Amino acid sequence: MTEALPFARSLGPSGARRLHAAARQIHAECGTASPSPGLFTRIGQAVQTLGDDVLGQCRPVDTADGLYVLTGLNLDGEPIGPTPSRWATAGDGGVRDIVLLLLSAAMGHPIAWPGQQDGRFVHNIVPARGHESEQTGASSTVLLAPHTEDAFHPGRANLLLLGCVRNRDRIATTAASIRRTRLDDADIETLSRAEVPVLPDDSYTEARAYTRQPPPAVPTLFHADDGLTLRFDPAYTPLERASPAYRDAYRRLTAELTRVTVPVTLSPGEVLVIDNDQAVHGRVPFRPRYDGTDRWLKRASVRVPGRRSRPPAEAAEHGYGQAVLEVGRS
């Protein structure tokens, strides 16, 4: 159970009640969790009233695991409904989406992508027919390989939130931190070179069609002030373009991340927070039923203002023509 893991944090009954009350009030006022200036103004105001106990539990990741789990967030009395057949049929996420947006705003600036799930700030992660074997959140029957979320883009999130709505089959999300690995100095030096690009994944149709500038080569590892960070997505990294030494080092990194992988099985009312600079995440394979009872997660992405965890050269990347929508950006 996630409650027994060393990286679990509980908001406590009082903190959870305050968070839920704020979300319900905002939903009553705004009527929807779809992005709007009024919604985000109210979310910003509400974050200031959540209390030090709630905000303290939303503090940055402070262990080498690169993640933590917030517990105790069950929304009593809020109907769930069947798991949607695909993200586009999920409808208005209501109070649950607003809870995730409040947590996101307590941690930094929520971000979204115009080309992904219609620019929503909270995504629905459900298995979808026809996508079973892809390396995207809509897959199911294959291992979702450990990866950095949106690794192709310099504006990717610093934090990734995965909130559990339904997980009857106890399907595990996997995570692995670069700071748990044992790599020799030569491999770290090799992987700190910019030899190959990271390409957009299959959920970014427009980005994959971008041809105006060549894909930029990027480093896999970077020395930040507080330790190593990584930018890793083997399914979308054309390693055939890399030198033999780079491919060998990348293979050893992959093996090390596999060795230190931690399975996290979320229950309804739990939110997994992953440091997207420090840890990669994936998912074990499962057999979907498509009967309204399949695994259903909510996903939100957060930029942390002022964080210096990436090479300065990233600022010059074209991002395959993809702009980032960021709440709170000055």
Protein backbone atom coordinates (compact mmCIF):
# COMPACT_ATOMS: atom_id res chain seq x y z
CA MET A 1 0.00 0.00 0.00
CA THR A 2 1.25 3.50 -0.74
CA GLU A 3 0.54 4.55 2.86
CA ALA A 4 3.43 2.33 3.99
CA LEU A 5 5.96 3.81 1.59
CA PRO A 6 8.60 6.18 2.98
CA PHE A 7 7.63 8.87 0.48
CA ALA A 8 3.93 9.07 1.44
CA ARG A 9 2.61 12.39 2.80
CA SER A 10 -0.84 12.79 4.31
CA LEU A 11 -2.77 16.05 4.18
CA GLY A 12 -4.71 14.93 7.24
CA PRO A 13 -8.51 15.11 7.62
CA SER A 14 -8.57 18.85 8.31
CA GLY A 15 -6.31 19.76 5.40
CA ALA A 16 -8.21 17.50 3.01
CA ARG A 17 -11.55 19.02 4.07
CA ARG A 18 -10.23 22.54 3.43
CA LEU A 19 -8.89 21.55 0.03
CA HIS A 20 -12.16 19.86 -0.96
CA ALA A 21 -14.27 22.76 0.31
CA ALA A 22 -12.22 25.23 -1.74
CA ALA A 23 -12.54 23.04 -4.85
CA ARG A 24 -16.32 22.70 -4.44
CA GLN A 25 -16.72 26.45 -3.92
CA ILE A 26 -14.67 27.23 -7.03
CA HIS A 27 -16.65 24.72 -9.06
CA ALA A 28 -19.93 26.24 -7.84
CA GLU A 29 -18.73 29.71 -8.85
CA CYS A 30 -17.06 28.87 -12.17
CA GLY A 31 -19.29 25.98 -13.17
CA THR A 32 -16.52 24.05 -14.95
CA ALA A 33 -12.90 23.00 -14.68
CA SER A 34 -12.19 24.19 -18.24
CA PRO A 35 -9.41 26.80 -18.29
CA SER A 36 -10.52 30.41 -17.99
CA PRO A 37 -9.02 33.57 -16.44
CA GLY A 38 -11.73 33.57 -13.76
CA LEU A 39 -11.04 29.98 -12.78
CA PHE A 40 -7.32 30.51 -12.36
CA THR A 41 -7.82 33.77 -10.49
CA ARG A 42 -9.98 31.92 -7.98
CA ILE A 43 -7.52 29.06 -7.75
CA GLY A 44 -4.70 31.50 -7.01
CA GLN A 45 -6.78 33.14 -4.29
CA ALA A 46 -7.82 29.82 -2.76
CA VAL A 47 -4.26 28.50 -2.56
CA GLN A 48 -3.43 31.32 -0.15
CA THR A 49 -6.14 30.09 2.24
CA LEU A 50 -5.26 26.39 2.31
CA GLY A 51 -3.06 26.71 5.38
CA ASP A 52 0.57 25.97 6.18
CA ASP A 53 -0.19 22.30 6.85
CA VAL A 54 -1.46 21.73 3.30
CA LEU A 55 1.18 23.93 1.66
CA GLY A 56 3.89 22.22 3.70
CA GLN A 57 2.90 18.84 2.30
CA CYS A 58 3.13 20.34 -1.20
CA ARG A 59 6.78 21.24 -0.65
CA PRO A 60 9.37 20.08 -3.22
CA VAL A 61 10.57 16.50 -3.42
CA ASP A 62 13.14 16.13 -0.66
CA THR A 63 14.43 12.57 -1.06
CA ALA A 64 16.56 10.75 -3.62
CA ASP A 65 13.45 8.84 -4.75
CA GLY A 66 12.34 11.82 -6.83
CA LEU A 67 8.69 11.48 -5.86
CA TYR A 68 6.10 11.44 -3.09
CA VAL A 69 2.47 10.38 -2.72
CA LEU A 70 -0.21 12.61 -1.23
CA THR A 71 -2.85 10.53 0.55
CA GLY A 72 -6.27 11.11 2.08
CA LEU A 73 -7.88 12.96 -0.82
CA ASN A 74 -10.99 10.81 -1.36
CA LEU A 75 -13.91 12.98 -2.47
CA ASP A 76 -16.83 11.57 -0.50
CA GLY A 77 -20.17 12.16 -2.16
CA GLU A 78 -18.70 13.09 -5.56
CA PRO A 79 -19.95 10.66 -8.25
CA ILE A 80 -17.25 9.06 -10.36
CA GLY A 81 -19.13 7.54 -13.26
CA PRO A 82 -17.67 4.95 -15.64
CA THR A 83 -14.11 5.22 -16.89
CA PRO A 84 -14.35 7.05 -20.24
CA SER A 85 -13.48 5.13 -23.40
CA ARG A 86 -10.95 7.82 -24.34
CA TRP A 87 -9.86 11.16 -22.97
CA ALA A 88 -12.13 13.17 -25.28
CA THR A 89 -15.29 11.62 -23.84
CA ALA A 90 -14.40 12.37 -20.21
CA GLY A 91 -16.35 15.64 -20.12
CA ASP A 92 -15.94 18.25 -17.40
CA GLY A 93 -13.74 16.85 -14.64
CA GLY A 94 -15.48 19.05 -12.10
CA VAL A 95 -14.30 19.09 -8.49
CA ARG A 96 -11.66 16.41 -9.02
CA ASP A 97 -9.91 18.46 -11.69
CA ILE A 98 -10.04 21.57 -9.52
CA VAL A 99 -8.48 19.68 -6.58
CA LEU A 100 -5.57 18.74 -8.85
CA LEU A 101 -5.28 22.33 -10.12
CA LEU A 102 -5.21 23.64 -6.54
CA LEU A 103 -2.41 21.24 -5.66
CA SER A 104 -0.57 22.20 -8.86
CA ALA A 105 -0.86 25.90 -8.09
CA ALA A 106 0.42 25.28 -4.56
CA MET A 107 3.55 23.73 -6.09
CA GLY A 108 4.20 26.15 -8.97
CA HIS A 109 2.61 27.18 -12.26
CA PRO A 110 0.25 24.70 -13.98
CA ILE A 111 1.02 24.25 -17.68
CA ALA A 112 -0.78 22.82 -20.69
CA TRP A 113 -0.15 22.19 -24.38
CA PRO A 114 -2.50 23.48 -27.10
CA GLY A 115 -1.84 20.34 -29.12
CA GLN A 116 -2.55 17.82 -26.38
CA GLN A 117 -6.03 16.97 -25.05
CA ASP A 118 -7.42 20.24 -26.46
CA GLY A 119 -5.24 22.41 -24.24
CA ARG A 120 -6.64 21.05 -20.98
CA PHE A 121 -4.64 21.64 -17.82
CA VAL A 122 -5.85 18.34 -16.36
CA HIS A 123 -5.57 15.29 -18.62
CA ASN A 124 -7.52 12.06 -18.42
CA ILE A 125 -5.28 8.99 -18.66
CA VAL A 126 -7.37 5.99 -19.70
CA PRO A 127 -6.80 3.00 -22.00
CA ALA A 128 -8.17 3.56 -25.50
CA ARG A 129 -9.04 1.07 -28.22
CA GLY A 130 -6.57 1.08 -31.07
CA HIS A 131 -3.78 2.55 -28.93
CA GLU A 132 -2.94 -0.53 -26.84
CA SER A 133 0.67 -0.88 -28.03
CA GLU A 134 1.70 2.77 -28.30
CA GLN A 135 4.19 4.49 -26.04
CA THR A 136 1.61 7.00 -24.77
CA GLY A 137 -0.74 7.27 -21.82
CA ALA A 138 -3.55 5.69 -23.86
CA SER A 139 -1.67 2.38 -24.15
CA SER A 140 -2.27 -0.69 -22.00
CA THR A 141 -0.99 -4.10 -23.13
CA VAL A 142 2.68 -3.07 -23.44
CA LEU A 143 5.12 -1.79 -20.88
CA LEU A 144 5.06 2.01 -20.93
CA ALA A 145 8.81 2.54 -20.95
CA PRO A 146 10.26 4.81 -18.23
CA HIS A 147 10.56 8.33 -19.61
CA THR A 148 10.74 12.02 -18.81
CA GLU A 149 7.35 13.63 -19.43
CA ASP A 150 7.43 15.68 -22.66
CA ALA A 151 11.19 15.15 -22.91
CA PHE A 152 11.22 16.60 -26.44
CA HIS A 153 10.43 20.13 -25.23
CA PRO A 154 12.53 22.67 -23.28
CA GLY A 155 9.35 23.97 -21.59
CA ARG A 156 8.43 20.57 -20.14
CA ALA A 157 7.13 20.31 -16.59
CA ASN A 158 9.35 20.22 -13.52
CA LEU A 159 6.69 18.28 -11.64
CA LEU A 160 4.13 15.74 -12.81
CA LEU A 161 0.99 14.96 -10.77
CA LEU A 162 -0.94 11.72 -11.27
CA GLY A 163 -4.21 11.57 -9.33
CA CYS A 164 -6.04 8.25 -9.04
CA VAL A 165 -9.77 8.13 -9.80
CA ARG A 166 -10.06 4.37 -10.27
CA ASN A 167 -7.56 1.51 -10.13
CA ARG A 168 -9.54 -1.65 -9.40
CA ASP A 169 -6.84 -3.91 -10.87
CA ARG A 170 -4.03 -2.36 -8.77
CA ILE A 171 -1.98 -1.43 -11.86
CA ALA A 172 1.35 0.08 -10.84
CA THR A 173 2.94 3.25 -12.07
CA THR A 174 6.72 2.83 -12.14
CA ALA A 175 9.32 5.43 -11.25
CA ALA A 176 13.11 5.53 -11.13
CA SER A 177 15.38 8.33 -9.91
CA ILE A 178 18.71 9.15 -11.54
CA ARG A 179 20.03 9.81 -8.03
CA ARG A 180 19.52 6.18 -7.04
CA THR A 181 21.61 4.90 -9.93
CA ARG A 182 25.30 3.91 -9.93
CA LEU A 183 26.93 5.22 -13.08
CA ASP A 184 30.66 5.65 -13.49
CA ASP A 185 32.10 9.07 -14.25
CA ALA A 186 32.90 8.15 -17.84
CA ASP A 187 29.27 7.28 -18.61
CA ILE A 188 28.03 10.45 -16.94
CA GLU A 189 30.47 12.52 -18.98
CA THR A 190 29.46 10.77 -22.20
CA LEU A 191 25.72 11.20 -21.58
CA SER A 192 26.23 14.87 -20.70
CA ARG A 193 27.13 15.51 -24.35
CA ALA A 194 24.46 16.60 -26.84
CA GLU A 195 24.62 13.83 -29.45
CA VAL A 196 21.04 12.89 -30.33
CA PRO A 197 17.61 14.54 -30.22
CA VAL A 198 14.51 13.50 -28.31
CA LEU A 199 11.59 13.46 -30.74
CA PRO A 200 7.93 14.28 -29.91
CA ASP A 201 5.82 11.30 -28.91
CA ASP A 202 2.81 10.03 -30.83
CA SER A 203 0.33 12.21 -28.93
CA TYR A 204 1.82 15.37 -30.51
CA THR A 205 0.71 15.11 -34.14
CA GLU A 206 1.68 18.67 -35.12
CA ALA A 207 5.04 18.50 -33.40
CA ARG A 208 5.90 15.24 -35.16
CA ALA A 209 5.18 16.94 -38.50
CA TYR A 210 7.46 19.92 -37.71
CA THR A 211 10.15 20.22 -40.40
CA ARG A 212 11.17 23.88 -40.43
CA GLN A 213 14.35 23.27 -38.43
CA PRO A 214 16.28 20.04 -37.76
CA PRO A 215 15.77 18.27 -34.43
CA PRO A 216 18.26 19.64 -31.87
CA ALA A 217 20.69 17.23 -30.24
CA VAL A 218 20.30 17.34 -26.44
CA PRO A 219 22.21 15.87 -23.47
CA THR A 220 20.66 13.01 -21.52
CA LEU A 221 22.24 14.02 -18.19
CA PHE A 222 22.94 17.40 -16.60
CA HIS A 223 24.71 18.47 -13.42
CA ALA A 224 22.27 20.75 -11.54
CA ASP A 225 23.12 22.55 -8.30
CA ASP A 226 21.55 19.79 -6.18
CA GLY A 227 22.63 16.75 -8.21
CA LEU A 228 22.15 14.98 -11.52
CA THR A 229 19.02 15.52 -13.61
CA LEU A 230 17.99 13.69 -16.76
CA ARG A 231 16.07 14.05 -20.02
CA PHE A 232 15.23 10.50 -21.02
CA ASP A 233 12.78 8.96 -23.48
CA PRO A 234 14.27 5.87 -25.15
CA ALA A 235 11.15 5.17 -27.26
CA TYR A 236 11.60 8.51 -29.05
CA THR A 237 15.39 8.84 -29.04
CA PRO A 238 17.02 7.81 -32.36
CA LEU A 239 20.06 6.16 -30.80
CA GLU A 240 21.17 4.86 -34.19
CA ARG A 241 22.44 8.40 -34.81
CA ALA A 242 24.69 8.29 -31.72
CA SER A 243 28.28 7.07 -31.42
CA PRO A 244 28.89 3.51 -30.17
CA ALA A 245 30.23 4.91 -26.88
CA TYR A 246 27.07 6.94 -26.38
CA ARG A 247 24.82 3.97 -27.16
CA ASP A 248 26.72 1.80 -24.69
CA ALA A 249 26.47 4.45 -21.96
CA TYR A 250 22.75 4.91 -22.69
CA ARG A 251 22.22 1.16 -22.41
CA ARG A 252 23.94 1.10 -19.01
CA LEU A 253 21.83 4.04 -17.86
CA THR A 254 18.68 2.20 -18.95
CA ALA A 255 19.77 -0.89 -17.02
CA GLU A 256 20.46 1.17 -13.90
CA LEU A 257 17.09 2.89 -14.07
CA THR A 258 15.48 -0.53 -14.38
CA ARG A 259 17.41 -1.74 -11.34
CA VAL A 260 16.22 1.13 -9.13
CA THR A 261 12.63 1.21 -10.41
CA VAL A 262 9.96 1.54 -7.72
CA PRO A 263 6.35 0.41 -8.38
CA VAL A 264 3.69 2.74 -6.96
CA THR A 265 0.16 1.35 -6.91
CA LEU A 266 -2.23 4.23 -6.42
CA SER A 267 -5.66 3.98 -4.81
CA PRO A 268 -8.52 6.45 -5.34
CA GLY A 269 -7.80 9.68 -3.48
CA GLU A 270 -4.01 9.43 -3.83
CA VAL A 271 -1.81 11.72 -5.92
CA LEU A 272 1.66 10.73 -7.09
CA VAL A 273 4.00 13.72 -7.46
CA ILE A 274 7.07 13.04 -9.61
CA ASP A 275 10.07 15.34 -9.99
CA ASN A 276 10.27 15.31 -13.78
CA ASP A 277 13.90 16.50 -13.74
CA GLN A 278 15.09 13.83 -11.34
CA ALA A 279 12.92 10.76 -12.03
CA VAL A 280 11.42 8.94 -14.99
CA HIS A 281 8.08 7.17 -14.87
CA GLY A 282 6.21 4.46 -16.74
CA ARG A 283 3.50 1.83 -16.24
CA VAL A 284 3.29 -1.93 -16.14
CA PRO A 285 1.27 -3.68 -18.89
CA PHE A 286 -2.35 -4.60 -18.27
CA ARG A 287 -5.32 -6.04 -20.13
CA PRO A 288 -8.08 -3.44 -20.54
CA ARG A 289 -11.74 -4.44 -20.33
CA TYR A 290 -13.31 -1.32 -21.88
CA ASP A 291 -16.35 -1.81 -19.67
CA GLY A 292 -16.20 1.41 -17.64
CA THR A 293 -14.12 -0.09 -14.79
CA ASP A 294 -10.58 0.35 -16.19
CA ARG A 295 -7.78 2.32 -14.57
CA TRP A 296 -8.37 6.08 -14.67
CA LEU A 297 -5.80 8.68 -13.68
CA LYS A 298 -5.83 12.48 -13.83
CA ARG A 299 -2.58 14.15 -14.91
CA ALA A 300 -1.36 17.70 -14.33
CA SER A 301 1.98 19.33 -15.17
CA VAL A 302 3.73 22.07 -13.20
CA ARG A 303 6.60 24.45 -13.86
CA VAL A 304 8.50 25.61 -10.78
CA PRO A 305 9.56 29.27 -11.14
CA GLY A 306 13.26 29.91 -10.65
CA ARG A 307 14.31 26.26 -10.71
CA ARG A 308 17.74 25.78 -12.30
CA SER A 309 17.83 22.11 -13.17
CA ARG A 310 18.47 22.20 -16.92
CA PRO A 311 21.24 23.26 -19.32
CA PRO A 312 21.01 26.93 -20.31
CA ALA A 313 21.29 25.86 -23.98
CA GLU A 314 17.74 24.50 -23.82
CA ALA A 315 16.43 28.06 -24.09
CA ALA A 316 17.49 28.15 -27.76
CA GLU A 317 15.57 25.03 -28.78
CA HIS A 318 12.63 25.39 -31.15
CA GLY A 319 10.39 22.92 -29.26
CA TYR A 320 9.08 21.52 -32.55
CA GLY A 321 6.81 24.54 -32.85
CA GLN A 322 4.91 23.74 -29.66
CA ALA A 323 4.07 26.62 -27.30
CA VAL A 324 3.43 26.10 -23.61
CA LEU A 325 0.38 27.55 -21.84
CA GLU A 326 1.49 28.49 -18.33
CA VAL A 327 -0.70 29.85 -15.53
CA GLY A 328 0.99 32.55 -13.46
CA ARG A 329 3.67 33.31 -16.04
CA SER A 330 4.80 36.91 -15.91
